[in-house]
C-alpha atoms as a PDB file:
ATOM      1  CA  MET A   1       8.629  14.195   8.767  1.00  0.00           C
ATOM      2  CA  VAL A   2       6.231  12.040   6.883  1.00  0.00           C
ATOM      3  CA  ASN A   3       8.166   9.595   4.503  1.00  0.00           C
ATOM      4  CA  ALA A   4       6.139   7.373   2.224  1.00  0.00           C
ATOM      5  CA  ILE A   5       7.063   3.593   1.154  1.00  0.00           C
ATOM      6  CA  ILE A   6       5.486   2.639  -1.946  1.00  0.00           C
ATOM      7  CA  VAL A   7       5.805  -0.949  -2.470  1.00  0.00           C
ATOM      8  CA  ALA A   8       5.866  -2.414  -6.041  1.00  0.00           C
ATOM      9  CA  ALA A   9       8.381  -5.468  -5.984  1.00  0.00           C
ATOM     10  CA  GLY A  10       5.740  -8.012  -6.555  1.00  0.00           C
ATOM     11  CA  LYS A  11       5.540 -10.180  -9.692  1.00  0.00           C
ATOM     12  CA  GLY A  12       1.722  -9.766 -10.159  1.00  0.00           C
ATOM     13  CA  VAL A  13       1.286 -13.449 -11.164  1.00  0.00           C
ATOM     14  CA  ARG A  14      -2.552 -13.345 -11.170  1.00  0.00           C
ATOM     15  CA  MET A  15      -2.634 -10.825 -13.943  1.00  0.00           C
ATOM     16  CA  GLY A  16      -0.784 -13.473 -16.089  1.00  0.00           C
ATOM     17  CA  THR A  17       1.196 -11.013 -18.122  1.00  0.00           C
ATOM     18  CA  LYS A  18       5.147 -10.935 -18.801  1.00  0.00           C
ATOM     19  CA  LEU A  19       5.430  -7.287 -17.477  1.00  0.00           C
ATOM     20  CA  ARG A  20       5.003  -6.834 -14.038  1.00  0.00           C
ATOM     21  CA  LYS A  21       1.433  -5.518 -13.313  1.00  0.00           C
ATOM     22  CA  GLN A  22       2.713  -2.339 -11.792  1.00  0.00           C
ATOM     23  CA  TYR A  23       4.222  -1.257 -15.112  1.00  0.00           C
ATOM     24  CA  LEU A  24       1.012  -1.996 -17.131  1.00  0.00           C
ATOM     25  CA  VAL A  25      -0.429   0.947 -18.748  1.00  0.00           C
ATOM     26  CA  ALA A  26      -3.788   2.589 -17.522  1.00  0.00           C
ATOM     27  CA  ALA A  27      -5.322   5.581 -18.886  1.00  0.00           C
ATOM     28  CA  GLY A  28      -1.920   6.371 -20.772  1.00  0.00           C
ATOM     29  CA  ARG A  29       0.616   6.048 -17.959  1.00  0.00           C
ATOM     30  CA  PRO A  30       2.095   3.110 -16.080  1.00  0.00           C
ATOM     31  CA  ILE A  31      -0.069   2.031 -13.033  1.00  0.00           C
ATOM     32  CA  LEU A  32       2.883   2.799 -10.609  1.00  0.00           C
ATOM     33  CA  SER A  33       3.440   6.442 -12.174  1.00  0.00           C
ATOM     34  CA  HIS A  34      -0.157   7.306 -11.347  1.00  0.00           C
ATOM     35  CA  THR A  35       0.448   6.058  -7.801  1.00  0.00           C
ATOM     36  CA  LEU A  36       3.538   8.002  -7.432  1.00  0.00           C
ATOM     37  CA  HIS A  37       2.050  10.982  -8.897  1.00  0.00           C
ATOM     38  CA  LYS A  38      -0.863  11.121  -6.106  1.00  0.00           C
ATOM     39  CA  PHE A  39       1.698  10.997  -3.252  1.00  0.00           C
ATOM     40  CA  ASP A  40       3.786  13.619  -5.134  1.00  0.00           C
ATOM     41  CA  VAL A  41       0.977  16.319  -4.991  1.00  0.00           C
ATOM     42  CA  CYS A  42      -0.033  15.318  -1.537  1.00  0.00           C
ATOM     43  CA  THR A  43       1.314  18.167   0.702  1.00  0.00           C
ATOM     44  CA  ALA A  44       1.222  15.757   3.770  1.00  0.00           C
ATOM     45  CA  ILE A  45       4.172  13.586   2.247  1.00  0.00           C
ATOM     46  CA  ASP A  46       7.844  14.878   2.663  1.00  0.00           C
ATOM     47  CA  LYS A  47       9.803  12.218   0.814  1.00  0.00           C
ATOM     48  CA  ILE A  48       8.836   9.015  -1.377  1.00  0.00           C
ATOM     49  CA  TYR A  49      10.549   5.775  -1.106  1.00  0.00           C
ATOM     50  CA  LEU A  50       9.734   3.445  -4.218  1.00  0.00           C
ATOM     51  CA  VAL A  51      10.426  -0.123  -3.314  1.00  0.00           C
ATOM     52  CA  ILE A  52      11.039  -2.590  -6.432  1.00  0.00           C
ATOM     53  CA  PRO A  53      13.506  -5.141  -7.686  1.00  0.00           C
ATOM     54  CA  LYS A  54      16.842  -3.784  -8.284  1.00  0.00           C
ATOM     55  CA  HIS A  55      17.118  -4.901 -11.704  1.00  0.00           C
ATOM     56  CA  ASP A  56      14.039  -2.710 -12.417  1.00  0.00           C
ATOM     57  CA  PHE A  57      15.906   0.465 -11.372  1.00  0.00           C
ATOM     58  CA  ALA A  58      16.878   1.597 -14.926  1.00  0.00           C
ATOM     59  CA  TYR A  59      13.345   0.564 -16.194  1.00  0.00           C
ATOM     60  CA  CYS A  60      11.580   2.811 -13.694  1.00  0.00           C
ATOM     61  CA  GLN A  61      14.047   5.695 -14.327  1.00  0.00           C
ATOM     62  CA  GLN A  62      13.466   5.635 -18.033  1.00  0.00           C
ATOM     63  CA  LYS A  63       9.801   4.712 -18.171  1.00  0.00           C
ATOM     64  CA  VAL A  64       7.737   5.140 -15.038  1.00  0.00           C
ATOM     65  CA  LEU A  65       9.264   8.201 -13.183  1.00  0.00           C
ATOM     66  CA  PRO A  66       9.074  10.491 -16.157  1.00  0.00           C
ATOM     67  CA  ALA A  67       5.636   9.413 -16.840  1.00  0.00           C
ATOM     68  CA  ALA A  68       4.498  10.382 -13.324  1.00  0.00           C
ATOM     69  CA  CYS A  69       5.194  14.107 -13.921  1.00  0.00           C
ATOM     70  CA  LEU A  70       7.050  14.436 -10.269  1.00  0.00           C
ATOM     71  CA  ASN A  71       8.051  17.545  -8.760  1.00  0.00           C
ATOM     72  CA  ASN A  72      10.330  15.885  -6.200  1.00  0.00           C
ATOM     73  CA  PRO A  73      13.017  13.337  -6.375  1.00  0.00           C
ATOM     74  CA  VAL A  74      12.079   9.579  -5.485  1.00  0.00           C
ATOM     75  CA  GLN A  75      14.347   7.220  -3.593  1.00  0.00           C
ATOM     76  CA  LEU A  76      14.669   3.619  -4.907  1.00  0.00           C
ATOM     77  CA  VAL A  77      14.907   0.801  -2.913  1.00  0.00           C
ATOM     78  CA  ASP A  78      15.751  -2.721  -3.658  1.00  0.00           C
ATOM     79  CA  GLY A  79      12.688  -5.060  -2.658  1.00  0.00           C
ATOM     80  CA  ALA A  80      12.454  -8.484  -1.670  1.00  0.00           C
ATOM     81  CA  THR A  81      10.347 -11.391  -3.011  1.00  0.00           C
ATOM     82  CA  LYS A  82       7.763 -10.976  -0.086  1.00  0.00           C
ATOM     83  CA  ARG A  83       5.868  -7.661   0.462  1.00  0.00           C
ATOM     84  CA  GLN A  84       6.605  -7.748   4.403  1.00  0.00           C
ATOM     85  CA  GLN A  85      10.141  -8.112   3.599  1.00  0.00           C
ATOM     86  CA  SER A  86      10.122  -5.336   0.989  1.00  0.00           C
ATOM     87  CA  VAL A  87       8.287  -2.862   3.579  1.00  0.00           C
ATOM     88  CA  PHE A  88      11.121  -3.706   6.084  1.00  0.00           C
ATOM     89  CA  ARG A  89      13.707  -2.857   3.473  1.00  0.00           C
ATOM     90  CA  GLY A  90      12.129   0.397   3.042  1.00  0.00           C
ATOM     91  CA  LEU A  91      11.806   1.166   6.497  1.00  0.00           C
ATOM     92  CA  GLU A  92      15.656   0.444   7.002  1.00  0.00           C
ATOM     93  CA  SER A  93      16.391   2.714   4.095  1.00  0.00           C
ATOM     94  CA  LEU A  94      14.752   5.822   5.319  1.00  0.00           C
ATOM     95  CA  GLU A  95      17.381   8.976   5.769  1.00  0.00           C
ATOM     96  CA  GLU A  96      15.264  10.437   8.483  1.00  0.00           C
ATOM     97  CA  LYS A  97      14.191   7.588  11.064  1.00  0.00           C
ATOM     98  CA  GLU A  98      11.603   9.323  12.990  1.00  0.00           C
ATOM     99  CA  GLY A  99       8.269  10.917  12.374  1.00  0.00           C
ATOM    100  CA  LEU A 100       5.482   9.114  10.471  1.00  0.00           C
ATOM    101  CA  VAL A 101       5.704   6.447   7.527  1.00  0.00           C
ATOM    102  CA  ALA A 102       2.806   5.939   5.228  1.00  0.00           C
ATOM    103  CA  VAL A 103       2.997   2.465   3.579  1.00  0.00           C
ATOM    104  CA  HIS A 104       1.068   1.913   0.305  1.00  0.00           C
ATOM    105  CA  ASP A 105       0.661  -0.501  -2.477  1.00  0.00           C
ATOM    106  CA  GLY A 106       2.012   0.518  -5.782  1.00  0.00           C
ATOM    107  CA  VAL A 107      -1.041  -0.828  -7.503  1.00  0.00           C
ATOM    108  CA  ARG A 108      -3.590   1.363  -5.868  1.00  0.00           C
ATOM    109  CA  PRO A 109      -3.241   4.418  -8.147  1.00  0.00           C
ATOM    110  CA  LEU A 110      -6.684   5.571  -7.476  1.00  0.00           C
ATOM    111  CA  ILE A 111      -5.906   6.731  -3.810  1.00  0.00           C
ATOM    112  CA  ASP A 112      -7.400  10.330  -2.989  1.00  0.00           C
ATOM    113  CA  PRO A 113      -4.452  12.779  -1.530  1.00  0.00           C
ATOM    114  CA  SER A 114      -7.145  13.831   0.781  1.00  0.00           C
ATOM    115  CA  ILE A 115      -7.385  10.271   2.439  1.00  0.00           C
ATOM    116  CA  ILE A 116      -3.448  10.165   2.582  1.00  0.00           C
ATOM    117  CA  GLU A 117      -3.765  13.621   4.572  1.00  0.00           C
ATOM    118  CA  THR A 118      -6.094  12.260   6.788  1.00  0.00           C
ATOM    119  CA  CYS A 119      -4.289   9.177   7.713  1.00  0.00           C
ATOM    120  CA  VAL A 120      -1.400  11.294   8.488  1.00  0.00           C
ATOM    121  CA  ARG A 121      -3.301  13.438  10.534  1.00  0.00           C
ATOM    122  CA  VAL A 122      -5.136  10.824  12.621  1.00  0.00           C
ATOM    123  CA  ALA A 123      -1.698   8.799  12.942  1.00  0.00           C
ATOM    124  CA  ALA A 124       0.051  12.024  14.246  1.00  0.00           C
ATOM    125  CA  GLU A 125      -2.479  12.124  17.062  1.00  0.00           C
ATOM    126  CA  ASN A 126      -2.778   8.226  17.677  1.00  0.00           C
ATOM    127  CA  GLY A 127       0.409   6.626  16.643  1.00  0.00           C
ATOM    128  CA  ALA A 128      -1.429   4.568  13.812  1.00  0.00           C
ATOM    129  CA  CYS A 129      -4.034   5.020  11.196  1.00  0.00           C
ATOM    130  CA  ILE A 130      -5.214   2.820   8.079  1.00  0.00           C
ATOM    131  CA  PRO A 131      -8.319   3.580   5.826  1.00  0.00           C
ATOM    132  CA  GLY A 132     -10.847   0.846   4.993  1.00  0.00           C
ATOM    133  CA  ILE A 133     -14.550   0.331   3.873  1.00  0.00           C
ATOM    134  CA  PRO A 134     -17.231  -1.101   6.256  1.00  0.00           C
ATOM    135  CA  VAL A 135     -18.334  -4.472   4.904  1.00  0.00           C
ATOM    136  CA  SER A 136     -21.992  -4.277   3.446  1.00  0.00           C
ATOM    137  CA  ASP A 137     -22.373  -7.757   1.590  1.00  0.00           C
ATOM    138  CA  THR A 138     -23.218 -10.802   3.721  1.00  0.00           C
ATOM    139  CA  ILE A 139     -20.169 -12.677   4.556  1.00  0.00           C
ATOM    140  CA  LYS A 140     -20.237 -16.504   4.815  1.00  0.00           C
ATOM    141  CA  LYS A 141     -17.674 -19.063   5.783  1.00  0.00           C
ATOM    142  CA  ALA A 142     -17.141 -22.323   3.595  1.00  0.00           C
ATOM    143  CA  ASN A 143     -15.258 -25.626   4.069  1.00  0.00           C
ATOM    144  CA  ARG A 144     -12.745 -27.102   1.332  1.00  0.00           C
ATOM    145  CA  GLN A 145     -15.758 -28.806  -0.282  1.00  0.00           C
ATOM    146  CA  GLY A 146     -17.629 -25.529  -0.950  1.00  0.00           C
ATOM    147  CA  ILE A 147     -20.296 -25.979   1.692  1.00  0.00           C
ATOM    148  CA  ILE A 148     -21.221 -23.164   3.779  1.00  0.00           C
ATOM    149  CA  THR A 149     -20.509 -23.616   7.368  1.00  0.00           C
ATOM    150  CA  SER A 150     -21.576 -20.296   8.902  1.00  0.00           C
ATOM    151  CA  THR A 151     -22.740 -16.752   8.357  1.00  0.00           C
ATOM    152  CA  VAL A 152     -20.465 -14.131   9.664  1.00  0.00           C
ATOM    153  CA  GLU A 153     -21.625 -11.397  11.435  1.00  0.00           C
ATOM    154  CA  ARG A 154     -20.686  -8.213   9.419  1.00  0.00           C
ATOM    155  CA  SER A 155     -21.053  -5.579  12.024  1.00  0.00           C
ATOM    156  CA  GLY A 156     -17.829  -4.185  12.818  1.00  0.00           C
ATOM    157  CA  LEU A 157     -16.009  -5.679   9.847  1.00  0.00           C
ATOM    158  CA  TRP A 158     -14.019  -3.693   7.352  1.00  0.00           C
ATOM    159  CA  SER A 159     -12.265  -4.098   4.130  1.00  0.00           C
ATOM    160  CA  ILE A 160      -8.773  -2.679   4.704  1.00  0.00           C
ATOM    161  CA  GLN A 161      -6.809  -0.494   2.460  1.00  0.00           C
ATOM    162  CA  THR A 162      -3.563   1.530   2.025  1.00  0.00           C
ATOM    163  CA  PRO A 163      -1.952   3.571   2.669  1.00  0.00           C
ATOM    164  CA  GLN A 164      -1.366   2.800   6.561  1.00  0.00           C
ATOM    165  CA  VAL A 165       0.597   5.423   8.261  1.00  0.00           C
ATOM    166  CA  PHE A 166       2.454   4.680  11.498  1.00  0.00           C
ATOM    167  CA  GLU A 167       4.847   6.441  13.941  1.00  0.00           C
ATOM    168  CA  TYR A 168       8.073   5.309  12.598  1.00  0.00           C
ATOM    169  CA  ARG A 169       9.115   3.789  16.292  1.00  0.00           C
ATOM    170  CA  ILE A 170       6.088   1.714  16.142  1.00  0.00           C
ATOM    171  CA  ILE A 171       6.029   0.051  12.659  1.00  0.00           C
ATOM    172  CA  ILE A 172       9.984  -0.839  13.032  1.00  0.00           C
ATOM    173  CA  GLU A 173       9.533  -2.307  16.291  1.00  0.00           C
ATOM    174  CA  ALA A 174       6.278  -4.291  14.857  1.00  0.00           C
ATOM    175  CA  HIS A 175       8.689  -5.641  11.858  1.00  0.00           C
ATOM    176  CA  GLN A 176      11.632  -6.379  13.952  1.00  0.00           C
ATOM    177  CA  ARG A 177       9.324  -8.410  16.375  1.00  0.00           C
ATOM    178  CA  ALA A 178       7.874 -10.242  13.509  1.00  0.00           C
ATOM    179  CA  ILE A 179      11.086 -11.279  12.152  1.00  0.00           C
ATOM    180  CA  HIS A 180      12.572 -12.315  15.406  1.00  0.00           C
ATOM    181  CA  GLU A 181       9.273 -14.474  16.068  1.00  0.00           C
ATOM    182  CA  GLY A 182       8.806 -15.716  12.601  1.00  0.00           C
ATOM    183  CA  PHE A 183       5.371 -13.999  12.068  1.00  0.00           C
ATOM    184  CA  THR A 184       3.975 -13.159   8.605  1.00  0.00           C
ATOM    185  CA  GLY A 185       0.858 -10.706   8.643  1.00  0.00           C
ATOM    186  CA  THR A 186      -1.403 -10.111   5.964  1.00  0.00           C
ATOM    187  CA  ASP A 187      -0.783  -6.127   6.294  1.00  0.00           C
ATOM    188  CA  ASP A 188       1.403  -4.135   8.346  1.00  0.00           C
ATOM    189  CA  ALA A 189      -1.341  -3.067  10.786  1.00  0.00           C
ATOM    190  CA  SER A 190      -1.649  -6.605  11.702  1.00  0.00           C
ATOM    191  CA  LEU A 191       2.107  -6.587  12.794  1.00  0.00           C
ATOM    192  CA  VAL A 192       1.272  -3.474  14.854  1.00  0.00           C
ATOM    193  CA  GLU A 193      -1.988  -4.885  16.387  1.00  0.00           C
ATOM    194  CA  ARG A 194      -0.209  -7.881  17.765  1.00  0.00           C
ATOM    195  CA  LEU A 195       2.195  -5.699  19.951  1.00  0.00           C
ATOM    196  CA  GLY A 196      -0.983  -4.176  21.696  1.00  0.00           C
ATOM    197  CA  TYR A 197      -0.748  -0.982  19.939  1.00  0.00           C
ATOM    198  CA  PRO A 198      -3.776   0.891  19.132  1.00  0.00           C
ATOM    199  CA  VAL A 199      -4.660   1.426  15.383  1.00  0.00           C
ATOM    200  CA  SER A 200      -7.331   3.978  14.125  1.00  0.00           C
ATOM    201  CA  ILE A 201      -9.570   3.284  11.255  1.00  0.00           C
ATOM    202  CA  ILE A 202     -10.921   6.033   8.804  1.00  0.00           C
ATOM    203  CA  ASN A 203     -13.188   5.553   5.846  1.00  0.00           C
ATOM    204  CA  GLY A 204     -11.512   5.044   2.722  1.00  0.00           C
ATOM    205  CA  SER A 205     -12.634   4.868  -1.104  1.00  0.00           C
ATOM    206  CA  LYS A 206     -14.516   2.255  -2.682  1.00  0.00           C
ATOM    207  CA  THR A 207     -12.519   3.570  -5.707  1.00  0.00           C
ATOM    208  CA  ASN A 208      -9.180   2.892  -4.157  1.00  0.00           C
ATOM    209  CA  ILE A 209      -8.977  -0.561  -5.609  1.00  0.00           C
ATOM    210  CA  LYS A 210      -5.758  -2.817  -5.655  1.00  0.00           C
ATOM    211  CA  ILE A 211      -5.148  -3.887  -9.288  1.00  0.00           C
ATOM    212  CA  THR A 212      -4.892  -7.530  -9.333  1.00  0.00           C
ATOM    213  CA  THR A 213      -6.732  -8.788 -12.381  1.00  0.00           C
ATOM    214  CA  GLU A 214      -7.438  -7.737 -15.885  1.00  0.00           C
ATOM    215  CA  GLU A 215     -11.014  -6.711 -14.776  1.00  0.00           C
ATOM    216  CA  ASP A 216      -9.341  -4.395 -12.034  1.00  0.00           C
ATOM    217  CA  LEU A 217      -7.185  -2.918 -14.582  1.00  0.00           C
ATOM    218  CA  ALA A 218     -10.251  -2.261 -16.912  1.00  0.00           C
ATOM    219  CA  ILE A 219     -12.141  -0.436 -14.143  1.00  0.00           C
ATOM    220  CA  ALA A 220      -8.867   1.440 -12.883  1.00  0.00           C
ATOM    221  CA  SER A 221      -8.252   2.435 -16.546  1.00  0.00           C
ATOM    222  CA  LYS A 222     -11.751   4.069 -16.921  1.00  0.00           C
ATOM    223  CA  LEU A 223     -11.658   5.799 -13.435  1.00  0.00           C
ATOM    224  CA  LEU A 224      -8.054   7.437 -14.101  1.00  0.00           C
ATOM    225  CA  ALA A 225      -9.060   8.562 -17.524  1.00  0.00           C
ATOM    226  CA  GLN A 226     -11.860  10.453 -15.700  1.00  0.00           C
END
C-alpha cells in the first residue's frame, strides 16, 4: 500500500496575494489541481490524502478537485499552521497505517510521475528515499552584515525536493519523537535522519520547482502550458 500525503495548508505569505498560492491559476488550472493530477495518474500511488485548512474544504471540492480531472477520490484532511504538524495530521488520518507514505508539497505541480515511481521503488527496498539535485553553484556563507565568511565545499551537497517516501512505521516514529522532543525539521527526511535511519537519495528534476514567488509562478505556468 502506498499512500500520498499532499500538503497544502500554508498561507503562502511570500507570494503576497489574498488567495493562497496553492489555489492560484497556472496554465488554466489551480496549482494544486496540477499536483493532484500528477499523483492520480501515477500507478505507484494507491490513495491520496490532501491536507488543507478545514475552512477550505468546500472551495477545494468546488474549484480544485474538478479541475484536477481525477480518476480516484481524494481524502481531505484538516491541516495545521505549520507544515510539520500538517504532515503529522496526514499520517494520523491514513486508513491503512502500513506500507509506504509519499509526502509532497502541494505547490510542486511539475513533479514527474516517473520520479514518484522511482522514489517509491527505492523506499520499498531501503525504507526511505528522497529526490534532489546535486548543487552545481558555488556556495558561500555570510554573516549578518552581508560579509562572506567562507566558501562551502559543494561536493556531496544536494538541493532537496519532494516527494519524500518512507515506510509508514519509520516516518510516524520520526514525527512522534520530534513532537516529544520539541524538534522542528526543515523537511520530513531530517526527522528520519536524526533517528539514525538511512535515507536514500535519487536524482530529481530541475523543473520540479516549489512555487513561492511570482517569478516561480510565471516559470511554472510556461512549463505546464507545454
